[in-house]
Amino acid sequence: MKSIVIRQPNALVIEERDIPQPATGEVRVKVKLAGICGSDSHIYRGHNPFAKYPRVIGHEFFGVIDAVGEGVNPARLGERVSVDPVISCGHCYPCSVGKPNVCTSLVVLGVHRDGGFSEYAAVPAHNAWRIPDSIEDKHAVMVEPFTIAANVTGQSKPTEQDVALIYGAGPMGLVTVQALKGVYRVKQVIVVDRIPERLEMAERSGADLTINNSAQSLQARLDEKGIKPTLIVDAACHPSILQEAVSLASPAARIVLMGFSSEPSSVAQQGITGKELTLYSSRLNANKFPVVIDWMEKGLIDPDKLITHVMDYRHVSDAIERFEKDRQHCCKVLLTFAE
């Protein structure tokens, strides 16, 4: 089989490998589609602190079960599945309180263990979620990106009374927009970014107001409209954002951080405690695949609004480069592995 391998930073090859045999409790997935994420680019460029090389990247993938290991019901053969990349132990403290996404022995497919940018992948059977026939293939591969929004909203618990501000109109910001508007019916969703085309994508995803903060002060624009956000999501992940978010937030607001910057953020405690703000952080997803599959079945979210490119996996280098450089027109890139 062919696999996309990062041998070391900036060294990507398409390699011939043996087709894996599923171990006890595993299934083998014949991969049909996989999505490119920023973390794939970071592993490729050597900027992901968790990755070990060589590595088959890819943690957003969909396919069909074509083999099962010992202990797995053979009736699962032929199932269409989307794969949760989070592999956890199930018994440590985080797992015991419903946070397998930060398991003390966390393994993420495509990061710590070979992932889905391959013609076949062996994965734990309970990580392969059956996709209903009503959900088409190109939407099924988008389940994992939307679980990021499900994790954010699962913690911050949006209501229809909220006024939400999202920093960043990249894929993670846009899935969050769709969740807030389509699922939670949040009264007002505001998106701030510096790329006009990305702000247009945010509007198509349901944003009520978009602000280009390279052209105007975000603080001034919100003050002018008398807006005090009650829910702020940092999907842009710059260390300077936290202090601004604290300043902009309404009393009793919630702030969600999604980034992995190692640079310190300077923020005064007084701004947080004076308003009794709540800070959340969100990593990956905690058992959110069935949540998102349900959203898709009900038509509450629309993955088509994020998919901008579909390319053959043999053009993966071009696909990643487009994803990295064409931020004006490229949002979600899907790789095809099989018809």
Protein backbone atom coordinates (compact mmCIF):
# COMPACT_ATOMS: atom_id res chain seq x y z
CA MET A 1 0.00 0.00 0.00
CA LYS A 2 1.00 3.64 -0.40
CA SER A 3 1.48 5.80 2.70
CA ILE A 4 2.34 9.49 3.09
CA VAL A 5 5.30 9.61 5.46
CA ILE A 6 7.13 12.52 7.07
CA ARG A 7 10.59 11.01 7.53
CA GLN A 8 11.86 14.13 9.27
CA PRO A 9 10.88 17.81 9.16
CA ASN A 10 10.42 19.01 5.57
CA ALA A 11 10.99 15.50 4.17
CA LEU A 12 7.72 14.08 2.83
CA VAL A 13 7.64 10.88 0.77
CA ILE A 14 4.98 8.54 -0.57
CA GLU A 15 6.24 5.20 0.60
CA GLU A 16 5.35 1.59 -0.22
CA ARG A 17 4.46 -0.24 3.00
CA ASP A 18 2.90 -3.58 3.95
CA ILE A 19 -0.85 -3.54 4.41
CA PRO A 20 -1.39 -3.67 8.20
CA GLN A 21 -3.15 -6.56 9.90
CA PRO A 22 -5.58 -5.49 12.64
CA ALA A 23 -4.51 -6.58 16.13
CA THR A 24 -6.90 -7.82 18.81
CA GLY A 25 -9.63 -5.24 19.28
CA GLU A 26 -8.75 -3.40 16.07
CA VAL A 27 -10.29 -2.93 12.64
CA ARG A 28 -8.57 -2.16 9.36
CA VAL A 29 -9.97 0.78 7.43
CA LYS A 30 -9.59 1.10 3.67
CA VAL A 31 -9.21 4.86 3.57
CA LYS A 32 -11.32 6.78 1.07
CA LEU A 33 -10.88 10.41 2.13
CA ALA A 34 -8.65 12.33 4.52
CA GLY A 35 -8.53 15.99 5.50
CA ILE A 36 -5.49 18.22 5.87
CA CYS A 37 -5.27 20.03 9.21
CA GLY A 38 -2.88 22.67 10.48
CA SER A 39 -1.30 20.09 12.77
CA ASP A 40 -0.36 17.98 9.72
CA SER A 41 1.45 20.99 8.31
CA HIS A 42 3.14 21.60 11.67
CA ILE A 43 4.44 18.01 11.79
CA TYR A 44 5.65 18.33 8.20
CA ARG A 45 7.51 21.55 9.02
CA GLY A 46 8.86 20.33 12.37
CA HIS A 47 6.73 22.62 14.53
CA ASN A 48 4.66 20.05 16.43
CA PRO A 49 6.22 19.33 19.85
CA PHE A 50 4.37 16.01 20.22
CA ALA A 51 5.31 14.31 16.94
CA LYS A 52 7.89 11.55 16.55
CA TYR A 53 9.47 10.74 13.17
CA PRO A 54 9.09 8.99 10.81
CA ARG A 55 5.33 9.41 10.89
CA VAL A 56 2.36 8.70 8.65
CA ILE A 57 0.38 11.88 9.26
CA GLY A 58 -3.37 12.40 9.09
CA HIS A 59 -5.94 12.38 11.88
CA GLU A 60 -9.06 13.27 9.88
CA PHE A 61 -10.04 10.25 7.81
CA PHE A 62 -12.96 8.19 6.60
CA GLY A 63 -13.24 4.82 4.90
CA VAL A 64 -14.68 1.32 5.00
CA ILE A 65 -13.80 -1.49 7.41
CA ASP A 66 -12.29 -4.31 5.33
CA ALA A 67 -10.80 -6.52 8.08
CA VAL A 68 -11.33 -7.07 11.80
CA GLY A 69 -9.03 -8.33 14.52
CA GLU A 70 -9.74 -10.88 17.20
CA GLY A 71 -12.59 -9.91 19.49
CA VAL A 72 -14.29 -7.65 16.95
CA ASN A 73 -17.68 -8.58 15.53
CA PRO A 74 -17.23 -9.64 11.87
CA ALA A 75 -20.58 -7.97 11.17
CA ARG A 76 -18.63 -4.70 11.14
CA LEU A 77 -17.02 -5.64 7.80
CA GLY A 78 -18.18 -3.17 5.16
CA GLU A 79 -19.13 -0.45 7.65
CA ARG A 80 -18.53 3.13 6.55
CA VAL A 81 -16.60 4.74 9.40
CA SER A 82 -15.04 8.00 10.51
CA VAL A 83 -12.10 7.53 12.85
CA ASP A 84 -11.61 9.31 16.17
CA PRO A 85 -7.84 9.90 16.45
CA VAL A 86 -7.89 10.08 20.27
CA ILE A 87 -6.67 6.83 21.86
CA SER A 88 -6.84 6.84 25.66
CA CYS A 89 -6.26 4.38 28.50
CA GLY A 90 -9.74 4.65 30.01
CA HIS A 91 -8.68 4.49 33.66
CA CYS A 92 -6.42 7.46 34.55
CA TYR A 93 -7.84 10.54 36.29
CA PRO A 94 -8.64 12.54 33.10
CA CYS A 95 -10.34 9.50 31.54
CA SER A 96 -12.34 8.91 34.73
CA VAL A 97 -13.78 12.44 34.59
CA GLY A 98 -14.71 12.31 30.89
CA LYS A 99 -11.58 13.88 29.41
CA PRO A 100 -9.88 11.11 27.41
CA ASN A 101 -8.51 13.84 25.14
CA VAL A 102 -5.95 14.67 27.84
CA CYS A 103 -5.34 11.10 29.01
CA THR A 104 -2.04 10.76 30.88
CA SER A 105 -0.93 8.24 28.24
CA LEU A 106 -2.65 9.93 25.29
CA VAL A 107 -1.93 8.62 21.80
CA VAL A 108 -3.18 10.58 18.79
CA LEU A 109 -3.33 8.92 15.39
CA GLY A 110 -1.16 10.81 12.93
CA VAL A 111 0.93 12.33 15.74
CA HIS A 112 2.14 9.71 18.25
CA ARG A 113 1.11 6.75 16.07
CA ASP A 114 0.75 6.38 12.31
CA GLY A 115 -2.40 7.99 11.01
CA GLY A 116 -4.76 7.98 8.09
CA PHE A 117 -2.80 9.41 5.13
CA SER A 118 -2.46 5.89 3.83
CA GLU A 119 -4.46 3.47 1.70
CA TYR A 120 -5.14 1.35 4.80
CA ALA A 121 -5.01 2.06 8.54
CA ALA A 122 -5.42 -0.24 11.54
CA VAL A 123 -7.23 1.48 14.43
CA PRO A 124 -8.97 0.50 17.68
CA ALA A 125 -12.46 -0.76 16.85
CA HIS A 126 -14.11 1.61 19.31
CA ASN A 127 -12.44 4.57 17.56
CA ALA A 128 -14.17 3.71 14.25
CA TRP A 129 -17.60 5.34 14.33
CA ARG A 130 -20.26 4.05 11.97
CA ILE A 131 -21.52 6.66 9.53
CA PRO A 132 -25.24 6.55 8.65
CA ASP A 133 -26.12 6.16 4.97
CA SER A 134 -27.71 9.62 5.01
CA ILE A 135 -24.28 11.25 5.46
CA GLU A 136 -22.21 11.44 2.29
CA ASP A 137 -18.53 10.56 2.19
CA LYS A 138 -17.15 14.09 1.94
CA HIS A 139 -19.16 15.08 5.01
CA ALA A 140 -18.14 11.97 6.94
CA VAL A 141 -14.46 12.93 6.67
CA MET A 142 -15.37 16.29 8.22
CA VAL A 143 -16.68 14.81 11.47
CA GLU A 144 -13.34 15.20 13.26
CA PRO A 145 -12.91 18.95 12.53
CA PHE A 146 -16.42 19.59 13.84
CA THR A 147 -15.63 17.65 17.03
CA ILE A 148 -13.27 20.53 17.86
CA ALA A 149 -16.29 22.84 17.93
CA ALA A 150 -18.28 20.24 19.85
CA ASN A 151 -15.54 20.14 22.49
CA VAL A 152 -15.43 23.94 22.77
CA THR A 153 -19.20 24.28 23.06
CA GLY A 154 -19.52 21.24 25.33
CA GLN A 155 -17.41 23.08 27.89
CA SER A 156 -18.65 26.65 27.44
CA LYS A 157 -22.35 25.69 27.11
CA PRO A 158 -23.61 28.44 24.78
CA THR A 159 -27.17 29.72 25.05
CA GLU A 160 -29.42 31.72 22.74
CA GLN A 161 -28.75 34.78 24.93
CA ASP A 162 -25.01 34.75 24.25
CA VAL A 163 -23.07 37.27 22.20
CA ALA A 164 -20.07 35.30 20.93
CA LEU A 165 -16.79 36.66 19.60
CA ILE A 166 -14.50 34.32 17.67
CA TYR A 167 -10.90 35.25 16.95
CA GLY A 168 -9.82 33.65 13.67
CA ALA A 169 -11.74 32.57 10.58
CA GLY A 170 -9.62 29.52 9.82
CA PRO A 171 -11.15 26.03 9.81
CA MET A 172 -11.39 25.83 13.62
CA GLY A 173 -13.03 29.23 13.88
CA LEU A 174 -15.47 28.40 11.10
CA VAL A 175 -16.62 25.07 12.54
CA THR A 176 -17.22 26.91 15.81
CA VAL A 177 -19.32 29.55 14.01
CA GLN A 178 -21.48 26.81 12.50
CA ALA A 179 -21.94 25.08 15.85
CA LEU A 180 -22.86 28.30 17.65
CA LYS A 181 -25.40 29.36 15.02
CA GLY A 182 -26.71 26.05 13.70
CA VAL A 183 -26.79 23.99 16.89
CA TYR A 184 -27.02 26.47 19.76
CA ARG A 185 -28.86 29.32 17.99
CA VAL A 186 -26.61 31.90 19.63
CA LYS A 187 -28.11 35.37 19.27
CA GLN A 188 -25.06 37.06 17.78
CA VAL A 189 -21.77 35.62 16.50
CA ILE A 190 -18.96 38.03 15.66
CA VAL A 191 -15.78 36.92 13.87
CA VAL A 192 -12.54 38.89 13.74
CA ASP A 193 -9.74 38.16 11.25
CA ARG A 194 -7.32 40.04 9.00
CA ILE A 195 -8.08 38.30 5.70
CA PRO A 196 -11.18 39.64 3.90
CA GLU A 197 -11.84 36.36 2.05
CA ARG A 198 -11.78 34.44 5.33
CA LEU A 199 -14.29 36.88 6.78
CA GLU A 200 -16.52 36.18 3.78
CA MET A 201 -16.25 32.45 4.60
CA ALA A 202 -17.32 33.29 8.15
CA GLU A 203 -20.38 35.12 6.86
CA ARG A 204 -21.30 32.11 4.71
CA SER A 205 -20.95 29.92 7.80
CA GLY A 206 -23.44 32.08 9.69
CA ALA A 207 -21.50 34.94 11.33
CA ASP A 208 -23.74 37.92 12.05
CA LEU A 209 -20.91 40.46 12.09
CA THR A 210 -17.33 40.29 10.80
CA ILE A 211 -14.52 42.69 11.71
CA ASN A 212 -11.18 43.12 9.95
CA ASN A 213 -8.89 44.14 12.80
CA SER A 214 -6.07 45.06 10.44
CA ALA A 215 -8.26 47.90 9.17
CA GLN A 216 -9.89 49.00 12.44
CA SER A 217 -9.59 48.59 16.18
CA LEU A 218 -11.65 45.67 17.47
CA GLN A 219 -12.16 47.45 20.79
CA ALA A 220 -13.35 50.62 19.06
CA ARG A 221 -15.74 48.76 16.75
CA LEU A 222 -17.32 46.82 19.61
CA ASP A 223 -17.56 49.96 21.78
CA GLU A 224 -19.17 51.82 18.90
CA LYS A 225 -21.87 49.14 18.73
CA GLY A 226 -22.17 48.77 22.49
CA ILE A 227 -21.18 45.08 22.34
CA LYS A 228 -19.77 43.19 25.33
CA PRO A 229 -19.18 39.56 24.31
CA THR A 230 -20.39 36.95 26.78
CA LEU A 231 -18.49 34.10 25.10
CA ILE A 232 -15.08 34.54 23.47
CA VAL A 233 -13.29 31.77 21.55
CA ASP A 234 -9.63 32.21 20.62
CA ALA A 235 -9.18 30.18 17.44
CA ALA A 236 -6.36 32.44 16.20
CA CYS A 237 -4.05 31.37 19.02
CA HIS A 238 -1.77 34.38 19.42
CA PRO A 239 -0.46 35.05 22.94
CA SER A 240 -1.55 38.71 22.80
CA ILE A 241 -5.22 37.78 22.43
CA LEU A 242 -5.94 36.71 26.01
CA GLN A 243 -5.41 40.15 27.53
CA GLU A 244 -7.56 41.78 24.85
CA ALA A 245 -10.27 39.16 25.34
CA VAL A 246 -10.31 39.85 29.08
CA SER A 247 -10.69 43.58 28.38
CA LEU A 248 -13.48 43.09 25.85
CA ALA A 249 -15.46 40.49 27.76
CA SER A 250 -18.72 41.15 29.54
CA PRO A 251 -18.78 40.47 33.29
CA ALA A 252 -19.48 36.75 33.88
CA ALA A 253 -18.28 35.88 30.35
CA ARG A 254 -16.48 32.69 29.33
CA ILE A 255 -13.22 32.64 27.36
CA VAL A 256 -12.04 29.51 25.53
CA LEU A 257 -8.40 29.07 24.48
CA MET A 258 -7.59 26.65 21.65
CA GLY A 259 -3.93 27.38 20.93
CA PHE A 260 -0.61 25.72 21.72
CA SER A 261 1.66 28.76 21.75
CA SER A 262 4.61 28.34 24.11
CA GLU A 263 5.02 32.11 24.38
CA PRO A 264 3.67 33.62 27.61
CA SER A 265 0.52 35.72 27.62
CA SER A 266 0.60 38.83 29.80
CA VAL A 267 -2.72 39.25 31.60
CA ALA A 268 -3.69 41.02 34.82
CA GLN A 269 -5.60 38.96 37.38
CA GLN A 270 -7.75 41.96 38.24
CA GLY A 271 -9.39 41.90 34.83
CA ILE A 272 -10.37 38.26 35.29
CA THR A 273 -11.51 38.30 38.89
CA GLY A 274 -13.07 41.75 38.67
CA LYS A 275 -15.54 40.39 36.11
CA GLU A 276 -15.52 36.83 37.50
CA LEU A 277 -14.62 35.48 34.06
CA THR A 278 -14.30 31.76 33.40
CA LEU A 279 -11.34 30.51 31.35
CA TYR A 280 -11.53 27.22 29.48
CA SER A 281 -9.01 25.46 27.29
CA SER A 282 -9.92 22.91 24.65
CA ARG A 283 -7.78 20.19 23.06
CA LEU A 284 -8.92 17.63 20.47
CA ASN A 285 -12.25 16.06 21.43
CA ALA A 286 -13.68 14.16 24.38
CA ASN A 287 -16.06 11.51 22.96
CA LYS A 288 -17.69 14.01 20.58
CA PHE A 289 -17.94 11.86 17.44
CA PRO A 290 -21.53 10.72 18.13
CA VAL A 291 -22.47 14.32 18.93
CA VAL A 292 -21.25 15.60 15.55
CA ILE A 293 -22.69 12.65 13.62
CA ASP A 294 -26.05 13.56 15.17
CA TRP A 295 -25.58 17.22 14.14
CA MET A 296 -24.93 16.09 10.57
CA GLU A 297 -27.91 13.75 10.49
CA LYS A 298 -30.15 16.60 11.62
CA GLY A 299 -28.67 19.04 9.08
CA LEU A 300 -27.58 21.50 11.79
CA ILE A 301 -24.12 22.02 10.23
CA ASP A 302 -22.96 22.19 6.61
CA PRO A 303 -19.42 20.88 5.90
CA ASP A 304 -19.68 21.98 2.25
CA LYS A 305 -19.16 25.58 3.37
CA LEU A 306 -15.64 24.69 4.51
CA ILE A 307 -14.47 22.30 1.76
CA THR A 308 -12.63 24.31 -0.89
CA HIS A 309 -10.34 21.72 -2.52
CA VAL A 310 -10.38 17.97 -3.21
CA MET A 311 -7.09 16.51 -4.49
CA ASP A 312 -5.60 13.09 -5.18
CA TYR A 313 -3.30 11.95 -2.35
CA ARG A 314 -0.38 11.69 -4.80
CA HIS A 315 -0.45 15.50 -4.94
CA VAL A 316 -0.19 15.84 -1.16
CA SER A 317 2.87 18.14 -1.26
CA ASP A 318 1.00 20.59 -3.50
CA ALA A 319 -2.10 20.23 -1.32
CA ILE A 320 -0.24 21.08 1.89
CA GLU A 321 1.53 23.99 0.22
CA ARG A 322 -1.80 25.35 -1.02
CA PHE A 323 -3.27 24.92 2.48
CA GLU A 324 -0.35 26.84 3.98
CA LYS A 325 -0.03 29.65 1.45
CA ASP A 326 -3.44 30.33 -0.08
CA ARG A 327 -5.29 31.44 3.03
CA GLN A 328 -7.48 33.71 0.92
CA HIS A 329 -9.16 30.89 -1.01
CA CYS A 330 -8.22 27.63 0.71
CA CYS A 331 -9.98 26.40 3.82
CA LYS A 332 -10.43 22.63 4.00
CA VAL A 333 -8.46 20.39 1.62
CA LEU A 334 -9.55 16.77 1.22
CA LEU A 335 -7.27 14.03 -0.14
CA THR A 336 -8.83 11.14 -2.08
CA PHE A 337 -7.36 7.65 -1.60
CA ALA A 338 -10.03 5.39 -3.14
CA GLU A 339 -13.24 5.74 -5.06
